[in-house]
Amino acid sequence: MIEIIDFQRKQDRLEYAKSLILSGCDVNYVRNSLNLNDEDMENVQELIEDDKMTERFRIAVENAIAEKKLKGLPIARYDRECKKAYLEFPDGRREYV
């Protein structure tokens, strides 16, 4: 049973639908329970695809960093506190650029 929430913003309702679908709820059940139309369902699908793309990108970056570490190459990073880019070497040394 889906908890029906009175959403103030349409985007919140779409995000809720996305989370329900990703947690395994039946798509048609979510659609009918939240009174979503075709356009809403397309928007939910886009949100899901965006999340999947973001996750694939994150994994690709992690893999690239791991590969550089294995090869003993420096990794380009950004220090938010100093607001400067730096190279991090395998020995932990930082060289700000």
C-alpha atoms as a PDB file:
ATOM      1  CA  MET A   1       0.000   0.000   0.000  1.00  0.00           C
ATOM      2  CA  ILE A   2       1.375   3.379  -1.026  1.00  0.00           C
ATOM      3  CA  GLU A   3       1.160   6.197   1.465  1.00  0.00           C
ATOM      4  CA  ILE A   4      -0.690   9.055  -0.225  1.00  0.00           C
ATOM      5  CA  ILE A   5       0.961  12.355   0.537  1.00  0.00           C
ATOM      6  CA  ASP A   6      -0.360  15.794  -0.353  1.00  0.00           C
ATOM      7  CA  PHE A   7       2.591  17.201  -2.278  1.00  0.00           C
ATOM      8  CA  GLN A   8       2.979  20.955  -2.562  1.00  0.00           C
ATOM      9  CA  ARG A   9       5.144  20.683  -5.676  1.00  0.00           C
ATOM     10  CA  LYS A  10       4.674  18.458  -8.697  1.00  0.00           C
ATOM     11  CA  GLN A  11       8.421  17.694  -8.730  1.00  0.00           C
ATOM     12  CA  ASP A  12       8.154  16.222  -5.220  1.00  0.00           C
ATOM     13  CA  ARG A  13       5.364  13.904  -6.377  1.00  0.00           C
ATOM     14  CA  LEU A  14       7.469  12.775  -9.352  1.00  0.00           C
ATOM     15  CA  GLU A  15      10.504  12.147  -7.117  1.00  0.00           C
ATOM     16  CA  TYR A  16       8.287  10.113  -4.778  1.00  0.00           C
ATOM     17  CA  ALA A  17       7.007   8.069  -7.733  1.00  0.00           C
ATOM     18  CA  LYS A  18      10.603   7.485  -8.863  1.00  0.00           C
ATOM     19  CA  SER A  19      11.643   6.253  -5.413  1.00  0.00           C
ATOM     20  CA  LEU A  20       8.645   3.893  -5.247  1.00  0.00           C
ATOM     21  CA  ILE A  21       9.387   2.426  -8.682  1.00  0.00           C
ATOM     22  CA  LEU A  22      13.077   2.000  -7.876  1.00  0.00           C
ATOM     23  CA  SER A  23      12.160   0.265  -4.618  1.00  0.00           C
ATOM     24  CA  GLY A  24      10.217  -2.352  -6.585  1.00  0.00           C
ATOM     25  CA  CYS A  25       6.627  -1.100  -6.645  1.00  0.00           C
ATOM     26  CA  ASP A  26       4.629  -1.924  -9.759  1.00  0.00           C
ATOM     27  CA  VAL A  27       4.750   0.971 -12.241  1.00  0.00           C
ATOM     28  CA  ASN A  28       1.036   0.858 -13.022  1.00  0.00           C
ATOM     29  CA  TYR A  29       0.160   0.714  -9.339  1.00  0.00           C
ATOM     30  CA  VAL A  30       2.294   3.808  -8.657  1.00  0.00           C
ATOM     31  CA  ARG A  31       0.814   5.587 -11.665  1.00  0.00           C
ATOM     32  CA  ASN A  32      -2.761   4.912 -10.610  1.00  0.00           C
ATOM     33  CA  SER A  33      -2.190   5.571  -6.905  1.00  0.00           C
ATOM     34  CA  LEU A  34      -0.558   8.947  -7.520  1.00  0.00           C
ATOM     35  CA  ASN A  35      -2.840   9.872 -10.447  1.00  0.00           C
ATOM     36  CA  LEU A  36       0.072  10.358 -12.844  1.00  0.00           C
ATOM     37  CA  ASN A  37      -0.618  11.077 -16.517  1.00  0.00           C
ATOM     38  CA  ASP A  38       1.523  10.092 -19.523  1.00  0.00           C
ATOM     39  CA  GLU A  39       3.631  13.255 -19.310  1.00  0.00           C
ATOM     40  CA  ASP A  40       4.240  12.678 -15.591  1.00  0.00           C
ATOM     41  CA  MET A  41       5.329   9.101 -16.280  1.00  0.00           C
ATOM     42  CA  GLU A  42       7.742  10.312 -18.970  1.00  0.00           C
ATOM     43  CA  ASN A  43       9.206  12.757 -16.459  1.00  0.00           C
ATOM     44  CA  VAL A  44       9.563   9.981 -13.873  1.00  0.00           C
ATOM     45  CA  GLN A  45      11.330   7.815 -16.468  1.00  0.00           C
ATOM     46  CA  GLU A  46      13.717  10.698 -17.237  1.00  0.00           C
ATOM     47  CA  LEU A  47      14.481  11.054 -13.517  1.00  0.00           C
ATOM     48  CA  ILE A  48      15.243   7.343 -13.319  1.00  0.00           C
ATOM     49  CA  GLU A  49      17.470   7.503 -16.404  1.00  0.00           C
ATOM     50  CA  ASP A  50      19.284  10.554 -14.991  1.00  0.00           C
ATOM     51  CA  ASP A  51      19.991   8.648 -11.770  1.00  0.00           C
ATOM     52  CA  LYS A  52      21.281   5.662 -13.720  1.00  0.00           C
ATOM     53  CA  MET A  53      23.502   7.882 -15.873  1.00  0.00           C
ATOM     54  CA  THR A  54      24.880   9.643 -12.806  1.00  0.00           C
ATOM     55  CA  GLU A  55      25.662   6.294 -11.183  1.00  0.00           C
ATOM     56  CA  ARG A  56      27.423   5.037 -14.333  1.00  0.00           C
ATOM     57  CA  PHE A  57      29.467   8.249 -14.469  1.00  0.00           C
ATOM     58  CA  ARG A  58      30.437   7.932 -10.789  1.00  0.00           C
ATOM     59  CA  ILE A  59      31.574   4.341 -11.336  1.00  0.00           C
ATOM     60  CA  ALA A  60      33.574   5.350 -14.421  1.00  0.00           C
ATOM     61  CA  VAL A  61      35.371   8.049 -12.438  1.00  0.00           C
ATOM     62  CA  GLU A  62      36.121   5.640  -9.592  1.00  0.00           C
ATOM     63  CA  ASN A  63      37.516   3.125 -12.095  1.00  0.00           C
ATOM     64  CA  ALA A  64      39.691   5.771 -13.772  1.00  0.00           C
ATOM     65  CA  ILE A  65      41.100   6.843 -10.400  1.00  0.00           C
ATOM     66  CA  ALA A  66      41.786   3.235  -9.399  1.00  0.00           C
ATOM     67  CA  GLU A  67      43.545   2.603 -12.723  1.00  0.00           C
ATOM     68  CA  LYS A  68      45.779   5.671 -12.263  1.00  0.00           C
ATOM     69  CA  LYS A  69      46.655   4.537  -8.730  1.00  0.00           C
ATOM     70  CA  LEU A  70      47.607   1.082  -9.996  1.00  0.00           C
ATOM     71  CA  LYS A  71      49.843   2.638 -12.640  1.00  0.00           C
ATOM     72  CA  GLY A  72      51.452   4.966 -10.091  1.00  0.00           C
ATOM     73  CA  LEU A  73      50.204   8.102 -11.842  1.00  0.00           C
ATOM     74  CA  PRO A  74      49.117  11.315 -10.089  1.00  0.00           C
ATOM     75  CA  ILE A  75      45.407  12.057  -9.788  1.00  0.00           C
ATOM     76  CA  ALA A  76      43.978  15.508 -10.453  1.00  0.00           C
ATOM     77  CA  ARG A  77      41.794  16.669  -7.556  1.00  0.00           C
ATOM     78  CA  TYR A  78      40.268  19.877  -6.216  1.00  0.00           C
ATOM     79  CA  ASP A  79      40.677  21.246  -2.695  1.00  0.00           C
ATOM     80  CA  ARG A  80      37.394  22.964  -1.805  1.00  0.00           C
ATOM     81  CA  GLU A  81      38.835  24.668   1.254  1.00  0.00           C
ATOM     82  CA  CYS A  82      41.756  26.238  -0.615  1.00  0.00           C
ATOM     83  CA  LYS A  83      39.743  26.489  -3.838  1.00  0.00           C
ATOM     84  CA  LYS A  84      42.706  25.158  -5.793  1.00  0.00           C
ATOM     85  CA  ALA A  85      43.383  22.204  -8.066  1.00  0.00           C
ATOM     86  CA  TYR A  86      46.193  19.825  -7.158  1.00  0.00           C
ATOM     87  CA  LEU A  87      47.852  16.598  -8.185  1.00  0.00           C
ATOM     88  CA  GLU A  88      47.783  13.790  -5.642  1.00  0.00           C
ATOM     89  CA  PHE A  89      50.688  11.401  -6.046  1.00  0.00           C
ATOM     90  CA  PRO A  90      50.626   7.728  -5.030  1.00  0.00           C
ATOM     91  CA  ASP A  91      52.781   8.504  -1.973  1.00  0.00           C
ATOM     92  CA  GLY A  92      50.096  10.960  -0.740  1.00  0.00           C
ATOM     93  CA  ARG A  93      52.044  14.080  -1.640  1.00  0.00           C
ATOM     94  CA  ARG A  94      50.041  17.002  -3.043  1.00  0.00           C
ATOM     95  CA  GLU A  95      51.282  19.433  -5.628  1.00  0.00           C
ATOM     96  CA  TYR A  96      49.023  22.461  -6.079  1.00  0.00           C
ATOM     97  CA  VAL A  97      48.796  23.780  -9.632  1.00  0.00           C
END
